[in-house]
mmCIF file of all heavy atoms, coordinates in Angstrom:
data_MODEL
# 
_entry.id   MODEL 
# 
loop_
_atom_site.group_PDB 
_atom_site.id 
_atom_site.type_symbol 
_atom_site.label_atom_id 
_atom_site.label_alt_id 
_atom_site.label_comp_id 
_atom_site.label_asym_id 
_atom_site.label_entity_id 
_atom_site.label_seq_id 
_atom_site.pdbx_PDB_ins_code 
_atom_site.Cartn_x 
_atom_site.Cartn_y 
_atom_site.Cartn_z 
_atom_site.occupancy 
_atom_site.B_iso_or_equiv 
_atom_site.pdbx_formal_charge 
_atom_site.auth_seq_id 
_atom_site.auth_comp_id 
_atom_site.auth_asym_id 
_atom_site.auth_atom_id 
_atom_site.pdbx_PDB_model_num 
ATOM 1   N N   . VAL A 1 1  ? 55.594 -88.333  -14.344 1.00 0.00 ? 1  VAL A N   1 
ATOM 2   C CA  . VAL A 1 1  ? 54.248 -87.836  -14.627 1.00 0.00 ? 1  VAL A CA  1 
ATOM 3   C C   . VAL A 1 1  ? 53.264 -88.997  -14.490 1.00 0.00 ? 1  VAL A C   1 
ATOM 4   O O   . VAL A 1 1  ? 53.526 -90.109  -14.950 1.00 0.00 ? 1  VAL A O   1 
ATOM 5   C CB  . VAL A 1 1  ? 54.159 -87.181  -16.025 1.00 0.00 ? 1  VAL A CB  1 
ATOM 6   C CG1 . VAL A 1 1  ? 54.527 -88.153  -17.133 1.00 0.00 ? 1  VAL A CG1 1 
ATOM 7   C CG2 . VAL A 1 1  ? 52.778 -86.564  -16.260 1.00 0.00 ? 1  VAL A CG2 1 
ATOM 8   N N   . TRP A 1 2  ? 52.158 -88.714  -13.802 1.00 0.00 ? 2  TRP A N   1 
ATOM 9   C CA  . TRP A 1 2  ? 51.100 -89.705  -13.599 1.00 0.00 ? 2  TRP A CA  1 
ATOM 10  C C   . TRP A 1 2  ? 49.986 -89.480  -14.615 1.00 0.00 ? 2  TRP A C   1 
ATOM 11  O O   . TRP A 1 2  ? 49.513 -88.352  -14.787 1.00 0.00 ? 2  TRP A O   1 
ATOM 12  C CB  . TRP A 1 2  ? 50.535 -89.601  -12.186 1.00 0.00 ? 2  TRP A CB  1 
ATOM 13  C CG  . TRP A 1 2  ? 51.480 -90.035  -11.121 1.00 0.00 ? 2  TRP A CG  1 
ATOM 14  C CD1 . TRP A 1 2  ? 52.497 -89.304  -10.580 1.00 0.00 ? 2  TRP A CD1 1 
ATOM 15  C CD2 . TRP A 1 2  ? 51.524 -91.310  -10.485 1.00 0.00 ? 2  TRP A CD2 1 
ATOM 16  N NE1 . TRP A 1 2  ? 53.172 -90.042  -9.640  1.00 0.00 ? 2  TRP A NE1 1 
ATOM 17  C CE2 . TRP A 1 2  ? 52.595 -91.279  -9.555  1.00 0.00 ? 2  TRP A CE2 1 
ATOM 18  C CE3 . TRP A 1 2  ? 50.772 -92.473  -10.601 1.00 0.00 ? 2  TRP A CE3 1 
ATOM 19  C CZ2 . TRP A 1 2  ? 52.914 -92.373  -8.754  1.00 0.00 ? 2  TRP A CZ2 1 
ATOM 20  C CZ3 . TRP A 1 2  ? 51.089 -93.564  -9.791  1.00 0.00 ? 2  TRP A CZ3 1 
ATOM 21  C CH2 . TRP A 1 2  ? 52.143 -93.512  -8.892  1.00 0.00 ? 2  TRP A CH2 1 
ATOM 22  N N   . ALA A 1 3  ? 49.569 -90.533  -15.295 1.00 0.00 ? 3  ALA A N   1 
ATOM 23  C CA  . ALA A 1 3  ? 48.472 -90.468  -16.256 1.00 0.00 ? 3  ALA A CA  1 
ATOM 24  C C   . ALA A 1 3  ? 47.971 -91.892  -16.502 1.00 0.00 ? 3  ALA A C   1 
ATOM 25  O O   . ALA A 1 3  ? 48.675 -92.868  -16.211 1.00 0.00 ? 3  ALA A O   1 
ATOM 26  C CB  . ALA A 1 3  ? 48.921 -89.826  -17.572 1.00 0.00 ? 3  ALA A CB  1 
ATOM 27  N N   . ASP A 1 4  ? 46.785 -91.996  -17.047 1.00 0.00 ? 4  ASP A N   1 
ATOM 28  C CA  . ASP A 1 4  ? 46.224 -93.310  -17.384 1.00 0.00 ? 4  ASP A CA  1 
ATOM 29  C C   . ASP A 1 4  ? 46.598 -93.617  -18.833 1.00 0.00 ? 4  ASP A C   1 
ATOM 30  O O   . ASP A 1 4  ? 45.827 -93.397  -19.764 1.00 0.00 ? 4  ASP A O   1 
ATOM 31  C CB  . ASP A 1 4  ? 44.711 -93.282  -17.192 1.00 0.00 ? 4  ASP A CB  1 
ATOM 32  C CG  . ASP A 1 4  ? 44.054 -94.628  -17.465 1.00 0.00 ? 4  ASP A CG  1 
ATOM 33  O OD1 . ASP A 1 4  ? 44.794 -95.600  -17.739 1.00 0.00 ? 4  ASP A OD1 1 
ATOM 34  O OD2 . ASP A 1 4  ? 42.817 -94.697  -17.424 1.00 0.00 ? 4  ASP A OD2 1 
ATOM 35  N N   . PHE A 1 5  ? 47.806 -94.140  -19.022 1.00 0.00 ? 5  PHE A N   1 
ATOM 36  C CA  . PHE A 1 5  ? 48.349 -94.293  -20.372 1.00 0.00 ? 5  PHE A CA  1 
ATOM 37  C C   . PHE A 1 5  ? 47.674 -95.399  -21.176 1.00 0.00 ? 5  PHE A C   1 
ATOM 38  O O   . PHE A 1 5  ? 47.733 -95.388  -22.404 1.00 0.00 ? 5  PHE A O   1 
ATOM 39  C CB  . PHE A 1 5  ? 49.857 -94.543  -20.302 1.00 0.00 ? 5  PHE A CB  1 
ATOM 40  C CG  . PHE A 1 5  ? 50.639 -93.351  -19.827 1.00 0.00 ? 5  PHE A CG  1 
ATOM 41  C CD1 . PHE A 1 5  ? 51.249 -93.345  -18.586 1.00 0.00 ? 5  PHE A CD1 1 
ATOM 42  C CD2 . PHE A 1 5  ? 50.750 -92.212  -20.621 1.00 0.00 ? 5  PHE A CD2 1 
ATOM 43  C CE1 . PHE A 1 5  ? 51.967 -92.244  -18.142 1.00 0.00 ? 5  PHE A CE1 1 
ATOM 44  C CE2 . PHE A 1 5  ? 51.454 -91.098  -20.186 1.00 0.00 ? 5  PHE A CE2 1 
ATOM 45  C CZ  . PHE A 1 5  ? 52.062 -91.119  -18.938 1.00 0.00 ? 5  PHE A CZ  1 
ATOM 46  N N   . ASN A 1 6  ? 47.037 -96.363  -20.503 1.00 0.00 ? 6  ASN A N   1 
ATOM 47  C CA  . ASN A 1 6  ? 46.348 -97.420  -21.244 1.00 0.00 ? 6  ASN A CA  1 
ATOM 48  C C   . ASN A 1 6  ? 44.826 -97.333  -21.148 1.00 0.00 ? 6  ASN A C   1 
ATOM 49  O O   . ASN A 1 6  ? 44.101 -98.246  -21.565 1.00 0.00 ? 6  ASN A O   1 
ATOM 50  C CB  . ASN A 1 6  ? 46.818 -98.804  -20.783 1.00 0.00 ? 6  ASN A CB  1 
ATOM 51  C CG  . ASN A 1 6  ? 46.627 -99.015  -19.279 1.00 0.00 ? 6  ASN A CG  1 
ATOM 52  O OD1 . ASN A 1 6  ? 46.035 -98.188  -18.586 1.00 0.00 ? 6  ASN A OD1 1 
ATOM 53  N ND2 . ASN A 1 6  ? 47.137 -100.135 -18.778 1.00 0.00 ? 6  ASN A ND2 1 
ATOM 54  N N   . ASN A 1 7  ? 44.342 -96.217  -20.604 1.00 0.00 ? 7  ASN A N   1 
ATOM 55  C CA  . ASN A 1 7  ? 42.902 -95.936  -20.541 1.00 0.00 ? 7  ASN A CA  1 
ATOM 56  C C   . ASN A 1 7  ? 42.096 -97.046  -19.858 1.00 0.00 ? 7  ASN A C   1 
ATOM 57  O O   . ASN A 1 7  ? 41.004 -97.410  -20.306 1.00 0.00 ? 7  ASN A O   1 
ATOM 58  C CB  . ASN A 1 7  ? 42.342 -95.679  -21.950 1.00 0.00 ? 7  ASN A CB  1 
ATOM 59  C CG  . ASN A 1 7  ? 42.635 -94.269  -22.440 1.00 0.00 ? 7  ASN A CG  1 
ATOM 60  O OD1 . ASN A 1 7  ? 43.176 -93.447  -21.713 1.00 0.00 ? 7  ASN A OD1 1 
ATOM 61  N ND2 . ASN A 1 7  ? 42.288 -93.986  -23.689 1.00 0.00 ? 7  ASN A ND2 1 
ATOM 62  N N   . ASP A 1 8  ? 42.646 -97.571  -18.733 1.00 0.00 ? 8  ASP A N   1 
ATOM 63  C CA  . ASP A 1 8  ? 41.911 -98.609  -18.006 1.00 0.00 ? 8  ASP A CA  1 
ATOM 64  C C   . ASP A 1 8  ? 41.287 -98.085  -16.724 1.00 0.00 ? 8  ASP A C   1 
ATOM 65  O O   . ASP A 1 8  ? 40.725 -98.857  -15.944 1.00 0.00 ? 8  ASP A O   1 
ATOM 66  C CB  . ASP A 1 8  ? 42.831 -99.790  -17.704 1.00 0.00 ? 8  ASP A CB  1 
ATOM 67  C CG  . ASP A 1 8  ? 43.955 -99.446  -16.723 1.00 0.00 ? 8  ASP A CG  1 
ATOM 68  O OD1 . ASP A 1 8  ? 44.135 -98.243  -16.423 1.00 0.00 ? 8  ASP A OD1 1 
ATOM 69  O OD2 . ASP A 1 8  ? 44.662 -100.371 -16.274 1.00 0.00 ? 8  ASP A OD2 1 
ATOM 70  N N   . GLY A 1 9  ? 41.392 -96.762  -16.497 1.00 0.00 ? 9  GLY A N   1 
ATOM 71  C CA  . GLY A 1 9  ? 40.785 -96.178  -15.307 1.00 0.00 ? 9  GLY A CA  1 
ATOM 72  C C   . GLY A 1 9  ? 41.685 -96.152  -14.094 1.00 0.00 ? 9  GLY A C   1 
ATOM 73  O O   . GLY A 1 9  ? 41.234 -95.781  -13.000 1.00 0.00 ? 9  GLY A O   1 
ATOM 74  N N   . TRP A 1 10 ? 42.974 -96.516  -14.261 1.00 0.00 ? 10 TRP A N   1 
ATOM 75  C CA  . TRP A 1 10 ? 43.931 -96.506  -13.157 1.00 0.00 ? 10 TRP A CA  1 
ATOM 76  C C   . TRP A 1 10 ? 45.169 -95.733  -13.578 1.00 0.00 ? 10 TRP A C   1 
ATOM 77  O O   . TRP A 1 10 ? 45.642 -95.855  -14.708 1.00 0.00 ? 10 TRP A O   1 
ATOM 78  C CB  . TRP A 1 10 ? 44.320 -97.937  -12.761 1.00 0.00 ? 10 TRP A CB  1 
ATOM 79  C CG  . TRP A 1 10 ? 43.164 -98.704  -12.193 1.00 0.00 ? 10 TRP A CG  1 
ATOM 80  C CD1 . TRP A 1 10 ? 42.105 -99.208  -12.894 1.00 0.00 ? 10 TRP A CD1 1 
ATOM 81  C CD2 . TRP A 1 10 ? 42.942 -99.034  -10.827 1.00 0.00 ? 10 TRP A CD2 1 
ATOM 82  N NE1 . TRP A 1 10 ? 41.230 -99.845  -12.046 1.00 0.00 ? 10 TRP A NE1 1 
ATOM 83  C CE2 . TRP A 1 10 ? 41.717 -99.759  -10.772 1.00 0.00 ? 10 TRP A CE2 1 
ATOM 84  C CE3 . TRP A 1 10 ? 43.651 -98.804  -9.653  1.00 0.00 ? 10 TRP A CE3 1 
ATOM 85  C CZ2 . TRP A 1 10 ? 41.195 -100.238 -9.561  1.00 0.00 ? 10 TRP A CZ2 1 
ATOM 86  C CZ3 . TRP A 1 10 ? 43.135 -99.286  -8.451  1.00 0.00 ? 10 TRP A CZ3 1 
ATOM 87  C CH2 . TRP A 1 10 ? 41.924 -99.990  -8.410  1.00 0.00 ? 10 TRP A CH2 1 
ATOM 88  N N   . LEU A 1 11 ? 45.726 -94.956  -12.637 1.00 0.00 ? 11 LEU A N   1 
ATOM 89  C CA  . LEU A 1 11 ? 46.865 -94.108  -12.960 1.00 0.00 ? 11 LEU A CA  1 
ATOM 90  C C   . LEU A 1 11 ? 48.170 -94.901  -13.025 1.00 0.00 ? 11 LEU A C   1 
ATOM 91  O O   . LEU A 1 11 ? 48.495 -95.674  -12.127 1.00 0.00 ? 11 LEU A O   1 
ATOM 92  C CB  . LEU A 1 11 ? 47.004 -92.995  -11.918 1.00 0.00 ? 11 LEU A CB  1 
ATOM 93  C CG  . LEU A 1 11 ? 45.939 -91.897  -11.976 1.00 0.00 ? 11 LEU A CG  1 
ATOM 94  C CD1 . LEU A 1 11 ? 46.056 -90.976  -10.767 1.00 0.00 ? 11 LEU A CD1 1 
ATOM 95  C CD2 . LEU A 1 11 ? 46.057 -91.097  -13.265 1.00 0.00 ? 11 LEU A CD2 1 
ATOM 96  N N   . ASP A 1 12 ? 48.904 -94.679  -14.095 1.00 0.00 ? 12 ASP A N   1 
ATOM 97  C CA  . ASP A 1 12 ? 50.237 -95.228  -14.291 1.00 0.00 ? 12 ASP A CA  1 
ATOM 98  C C   . ASP A 1 12 ? 51.245 -94.100  -14.063 1.00 0.00 ? 12 ASP A C   1 
ATOM 99  O O   . ASP A 1 12 ? 50.868 -92.934  -13.932 1.00 0.00 ? 12 ASP A O   1 
ATOM 100 C CB  . ASP A 1 12 ? 50.370 -95.785  -15.713 1.00 0.00 ? 12 ASP A CB  1 
ATOM 101 C CG  . ASP A 1 12 ? 49.155 -96.596  -16.125 1.00 0.00 ? 12 ASP A CG  1 
ATOM 102 O OD1 . ASP A 1 12 ? 48.841 -97.582  -15.433 1.00 0.00 ? 12 ASP A OD1 1 
ATOM 103 O OD2 . ASP A 1 12 ? 48.490 -96.232  -17.133 1.00 0.00 ? 12 ASP A OD2 1 
ATOM 104 N N   . VAL A 1 13 ? 52.529 -94.437  -14.051 1.00 0.00 ? 13 VAL A N   1 
ATOM 105 C CA  . VAL A 1 13 ? 53.522 -93.393  -13.845 1.00 0.00 ? 13 VAL A CA  1 
ATOM 106 C C   . VAL A 1 13 ? 54.726 -93.621  -14.748 1.00 0.00 ? 13 VAL A C   1 
ATOM 107 O O   . VAL A 1 13 ? 55.267 -94.727  -14.825 1.00 0.00 ? 13 VAL A O   1 
ATOM 108 C CB  . VAL A 1 13 ? 53.959 -93.295  -12.359 1.00 0.00 ? 13 VAL A CB  1 
ATOM 109 C CG1 . VAL A 1 13 ? 54.591 -94.589  -11.858 1.00 0.00 ? 13 VAL A CG1 1 
ATOM 110 C CG2 . VAL A 1 13 ? 54.912 -92.122  -12.153 1.00 0.00 ? 13 VAL A CG2 1 
ATOM 111 N N   . PHE A 1 14 ? 55.106 -92.563  -15.457 1.00 0.00 ? 14 PHE A N   1 
ATOM 112 C CA  . PHE A 1 14 ? 56.337 -92.551  -16.248 1.00 0.00 ? 14 PHE A CA  1 
ATOM 113 C C   . PHE A 1 14 ? 57.408 -91.867  -15.419 1.00 0.00 ? 14 PHE A C   1 
ATOM 114 O O   . PHE A 1 14 ? 57.178 -90.784  -14.858 1.00 0.00 ? 14 PHE A O   1 
ATOM 115 C CB  . PHE A 1 14 ? 56.134 -91.807  -17.573 1.00 0.00 ? 14 PHE A CB  1 
ATOM 116 C CG  . PHE A 1 14 ? 57.403 -91.675  -18.381 1.00 0.00 ? 14 PHE A CG  1 
ATOM 117 C CD1 . PHE A 1 14 ? 57.745 -92.640  -19.306 1.00 0.00 ? 14 PHE A CD1 1 
ATOM 118 C CD2 . PHE A 1 14 ? 58.257 -90.596  -18.199 1.00 0.00 ? 14 PHE A CD2 1 
ATOM 119 C CE1 . PHE A 1 14 ? 58.921 -92.538  -20.045 1.00 0.00 ? 14 PHE A CE1 1 
ATOM 120 C CE2 . PHE A 1 14 ? 59.433 -90.474  -18.923 1.00 0.00 ? 14 PHE A CE2 1 
ATOM 121 C CZ  . PHE A 1 14 ? 59.762 -91.457  -19.850 1.00 0.00 ? 14 PHE A CZ  1 
ATOM 122 N N   . VAL A 1 15 ? 58.594 -92.480  -15.328 1.00 0.00 ? 15 VAL A N   1 
ATOM 123 C CA  . VAL A 1 15 ? 59.708 -91.920  -14.570 1.00 0.00 ? 15 VAL A CA  1 
ATOM 124 C C   . VAL A 1 15 ? 60.868 -91.667  -15.518 1.00 0.00 ? 15 VAL A C   1 
ATOM 125 O O   . VAL A 1 15 ? 61.365 -92.598  -16.163 1.00 0.00 ? 15 VAL A O   1 
ATOM 126 C CB  . VAL A 1 15 ? 60.153 -92.864  -13.429 1.00 0.00 ? 15 VAL A CB  1 
ATOM 127 C CG1 . VAL A 1 15 ? 61.334 -92.253  -12.673 1.00 0.00 ? 15 VAL A CG1 1 
ATOM 128 C CG2 . VAL A 1 15 ? 58.995 -93.143  -12.475 1.00 0.00 ? 15 VAL A CG2 1 
ATOM 129 N N   . GLY A 1 16 ? 61.271 -90.395  -15.617 1.00 0.00 ? 16 GLY A N   1 
ATOM 130 C CA  . GLY A 1 16 ? 62.387 -90.029  -16.470 1.00 0.00 ? 16 GLY A CA  1 
ATOM 131 C C   . GLY A 1 16 ? 63.686 -90.019  -15.680 1.00 0.00 ? 16 GLY A C   1 
ATOM 132 O O   . GLY A 1 16 ? 63.835 -89.266  -14.717 1.00 0.00 ? 16 GLY A O   1 
ATOM 133 N N   . ALA A 1 17 ? 64.629 -90.863  -16.065 1.00 0.00 ? 17 ALA A N   1 
ATOM 134 C CA  . ALA A 1 17 ? 65.894 -90.977  -15.339 1.00 0.00 ? 17 ALA A CA  1 
ATOM 135 C C   . ALA A 1 17 ? 66.935 -90.019  -15.887 1.00 0.00 ? 17 ALA A C   1 
ATOM 136 O O   . ALA A 1 17 ? 66.856 -89.574  -17.032 1.00 0.00 ? 17 ALA A O   1 
ATOM 137 C CB  . ALA A 1 17 ? 66.414 -92.408  -15.424 1.00 0.00 ? 17 ALA A CB  1 
ATOM 138 N N   . GLU A 1 18 ? 67.922 -89.706  -15.040 1.00 0.00 ? 18 GLU A N   1 
ATOM 139 C CA  . GLU A 1 18 ? 69.041 -88.868  -15.452 1.00 0.00 ? 18 GLU A CA  1 
ATOM 140 C C   . GLU A 1 18 ? 70.244 -89.750  -15.773 1.00 0.00 ? 18 GLU A C   1 
ATOM 141 O O   . GLU A 1 18 ? 70.843 -90.350  -14.870 1.00 0.00 ? 18 GLU A O   1 
ATOM 142 C CB  . GLU A 1 18 ? 69.413 -87.886  -14.342 1.00 0.00 ? 18 GLU A CB  1 
ATOM 143 C CG  . GLU A 1 18 ? 68.349 -86.850  -14.072 1.00 0.00 ? 18 GLU A CG  1 
ATOM 144 C CD  . GLU A 1 18 ? 68.768 -85.828  -13.031 1.00 0.00 ? 18 GLU A CD  1 
ATOM 145 O OE1 . GLU A 1 18 ? 69.907 -85.911  -12.532 1.00 0.00 ? 18 GLU A OE1 1 
ATOM 146 O OE2 . GLU A 1 18 ? 67.955 -84.943  -12.713 1.00 0.00 ? 18 GLU A OE2 1 
ATOM 147 N N   . ASP A 1 19 ? 70.579 -89.855  -17.030 1.00 0.00 ? 19 ASP A N   1 
ATOM 148 C CA  . ASP A 1 19 ? 71.780 -90.584  -17.438 1.00 0.00 ? 19 ASP A CA  1 
ATOM 149 C C   . ASP A 1 19 ? 72.746 -89.586  -18.055 1.00 0.00 ? 19 ASP A C   1 
ATOM 150 O O   . ASP A 1 19 ? 72.465 -89.002  -19.106 1.00 0.00 ? 19 ASP A O   1 
ATOM 151 C CB  . ASP A 1 19 ? 71.437 -91.680  -18.446 1.00 0.00 ? 19 ASP A CB  1 
ATOM 152 C CG  . ASP A 1 19 ? 72.635 -92.578  -18.728 1.00 0.00 ? 19 ASP A CG  1 
ATOM 153 O OD1 . ASP A 1 19 ? 73.425 -92.247  -19.647 1.00 0.00 ? 19 ASP A OD1 1 
ATOM 154 O OD2 . ASP A 1 19 ? 72.793 -93.592  -18.034 1.00 0.00 ? 19 ASP A OD2 1 
ATOM 155 N N   . SER A 1 20 ? 73.881 -89.385  -17.389 1.00 0.00 ? 20 SER A N   1 
ATOM 156 C CA  . SER A 1 20 ? 74.837 -88.374  -17.844 1.00 0.00 ? 20 SER A CA  1 
ATOM 157 C C   . SER A 1 20 ? 75.747 -88.886  -18.947 1.00 0.00 ? 20 SER A C   1 
ATOM 158 O O   . SER A 1 20 ? 76.472 -88.103  -19.567 1.00 0.00 ? 20 SER A O   1 
ATOM 159 C CB  . SER A 1 20 ? 75.677 -87.879  -16.662 1.00 0.00 ? 20 SER A CB  1 
ATOM 160 O OG  . SER A 1 20 ? 76.462 -88.932  -16.140 1.00 0.00 ? 20 SER A OG  1 
ATOM 161 N N   . GLY A 1 21 ? 75.757 -90.206  -19.171 1.00 0.00 ? 21 GLY A N   1 
ATOM 162 C CA  . GLY A 1 21 ? 76.585 -90.757  -20.230 1.00 0.00 ? 21 GLY A CA  1 
ATOM 163 C C   . GLY A 1 21 ? 78.062 -90.749  -19.913 1.00 0.00 ? 21 GLY A C   1 
ATOM 164 O O   . GLY A 1 21 ? 78.892 -90.885  -20.806 1.00 0.00 ? 21 GLY A O   1 
ATOM 165 N N   . THR A 1 22 ? 78.419 -90.576  -18.625 1.00 0.00 ? 22 THR A N   1 
ATOM 166 C CA  . THR A 1 22 ? 79.827 -90.554  -18.234 1.00 0.00 ? 22 THR A CA  1 
ATOM 167 C C   . THR A 1 22 ? 80.134 -91.755  -17.351 1.00 0.00 ? 22 THR A C   1 
ATOM 168 O O   . THR A 1 22 ? 79.230 -92.404  -16.805 1.00 0.00 ? 22 THR A O   1 
ATOM 169 C CB  . THR A 1 22 ? 80.169 -89.263  -17.478 1.00 0.00 ? 22 THR A CB  1 
ATOM 170 O OG1 . THR A 1 22 ? 79.374 -89.198  -16.280 1.00 0.00 ? 22 THR A OG1 1 
ATOM 171 C CG2 . THR A 1 22 ? 79.871 -88.047  -18.333 1.00 0.00 ? 22 THR A CG2 1 
ATOM 172 N N   . ILE A 1 23 ? 81.412 -92.043  -17.166 1.00 0.00 ? 23 ILE A N   1 
ATOM 173 C CA  . ILE A 1 23 ? 81.791 -93.229  -16.419 1.00 0.00 ? 23 ILE A CA  1 
ATOM 174 C C   . ILE A 1 23 ? 81.504 -93.098  -14.931 1.00 0.00 ? 23 ILE A C   1 
ATOM 175 O O   . ILE A 1 23 ? 81.498 -94.082  -14.208 1.00 0.00 ? 23 ILE A O   1 
ATOM 176 C CB  . ILE A 1 23 ? 83.295 -93.535  -16.632 1.00 0.00 ? 23 ILE A CB  1 
ATOM 177 C CG1 . ILE A 1 23 ? 84.156 -92.340  -16.176 1.00 0.00 ? 23 ILE A CG1 1 
ATOM 178 C CG2 . ILE A 1 23 ? 83.581 -93.895  -18.065 1.00 0.00 ? 23 ILE A CG2 1 
ATOM 179 C CD1 . ILE A 1 23 ? 85.647 -92.633  -16.220 1.00 0.00 ? 23 ILE A CD1 1 
ATOM 180 N N   . ASP A 1 24 ? 81.251 -91.859  -14.472 1.00 0.00 ? 24 ASP A N   1 
ATOM 181 C CA  . ASP A 1 24 ? 80.963 -91.677  -13.050 1.00 0.00 ? 24 ASP A CA  1 
ATOM 182 C C   . ASP A 1 24 ? 79.471 -91.589  -12.777 1.00 0.00 ? 24 ASP A C   1 
ATOM 183 O O   . ASP A 1 24 ? 79.040 -91.150  -11.727 1.00 0.00 ? 24 ASP A O   1 
ATOM 184 C CB  . ASP A 1 24 ? 81.666 -90.414  -12.519 1.00 0.00 ? 24 ASP A CB  1 
ATOM 185 C CG  . ASP A 1 24 ? 81.034 -89.128  -13.050 1.00 0.00 ? 24 ASP A CG  1 
ATOM 186 O OD1 . ASP A 1 24 ? 80.293 -89.209  -14.042 1.00 0.00 ? 24 ASP A OD1 1 
ATOM 187 O OD2 . ASP A 1 24 ? 81.289 -88.066  -12.461 1.00 0.00 ? 24 ASP A OD2 1 
ATOM 188 N N   . ALA A 1 25 ? 78.654 -92.048  -13.723 1.00 0.00 ? 25 ALA A N   1 
ATOM 189 C CA  . ALA A 1 25 ? 77.208 -91.882  -13.596 1.00 0.00 ? 25 ALA A CA  1 
ATOM 190 C C   . ALA A 1 25 ? 76.580 -92.857  -12.620 1.00 0.00 ? 25 ALA A C   1 
ATOM 191 O O   . ALA A 1 25 ? 75.422 -92.715  -12.260 1.00 0.00 ? 25 ALA A O   1 
ATOM 192 C CB  . ALA A 1 25 ? 76.545 -92.032  -14.971 1.00 0.00 ? 25 ALA A CB  1 
ATOM 193 N N   . GLY A 1 26 ? 77.327 -93.891  -12.209 1.00 0.00 ? 26 GLY A N   1 
ATOM 194 C CA  . GLY A 1 26 ? 76.749 -94.874  -11.305 1.00 0.00 ? 26 GLY A CA  1 
ATOM 195 C C   . GLY A 1 26 ? 75.901 -95.887  -12.023 1.00 0.00 ? 26 GLY A C   1 
ATOM 196 O O   . GLY A 1 26 ? 74.981 -96.465  -11.438 1.00 0.00 ? 26 GLY A O   1 
ATOM 197 N N   . GLY A 1 27 ? 76.184 -96.120  -13.309 1.00 0.00 ? 27 GLY A N   1 
ATOM 198 C CA  . GLY A 1 27 ? 75.419 -97.075  -14.093 1.00 0.00 ? 27 GLY A CA  1 
ATOM 199 C C   . GLY A 1 27 ? 74.622 -96.396  -15.186 1.00 0.00 ? 27 GLY A C   1 
ATOM 200 O O   . GLY A 1 27 ? 74.514 -95.174  -15.243 1.00 0.00 ? 27 GLY A O   1 
ATOM 201 N N   . ILE A 1 28 ? 74.072 -97.204  -16.073 1.00 0.00 ? 28 ILE A N   1 
ATOM 202 C CA  . ILE A 1 28 ? 73.203 -96.694  -17.134 1.00 0.00 ? 28 ILE A CA  1 
ATOM 203 C C   . ILE A 1 28 ? 71.792 -96.575  -16.581 1.00 0.00 ? 28 ILE A C   1 
ATOM 204 O O   . ILE A 1 28 ? 71.257 -97.520  -15.995 1.00 0.00 ? 28 ILE A O   1 
ATOM 205 C CB  . ILE A 1 28 ? 73.230 -97.631  -18.358 1.00 0.00 ? 28 ILE A CB  1 
ATOM 206 C CG1 . ILE A 1 28 ? 74.644 -97.689  -18.945 1.00 0.00 ? 28 ILE A CG1 1 
ATOM 207 C CG2 . ILE A 1 28 ? 72.234 -97.166  -19.418 1.00 0.00 ? 28 ILE A CG2 1 
ATOM 208 C CD1 . ILE A 1 28 ? 74.803 -98.709  -20.049 1.00 0.00 ? 28 ILE A CD1 1 
# 
């Protein structure tokens, strides 16, 4: 989601990752 999280007039982006918590996840 893109939003100006620090209110400086420029868009930031939050990226939500998929972590399955299993050994085949390819890392944390």
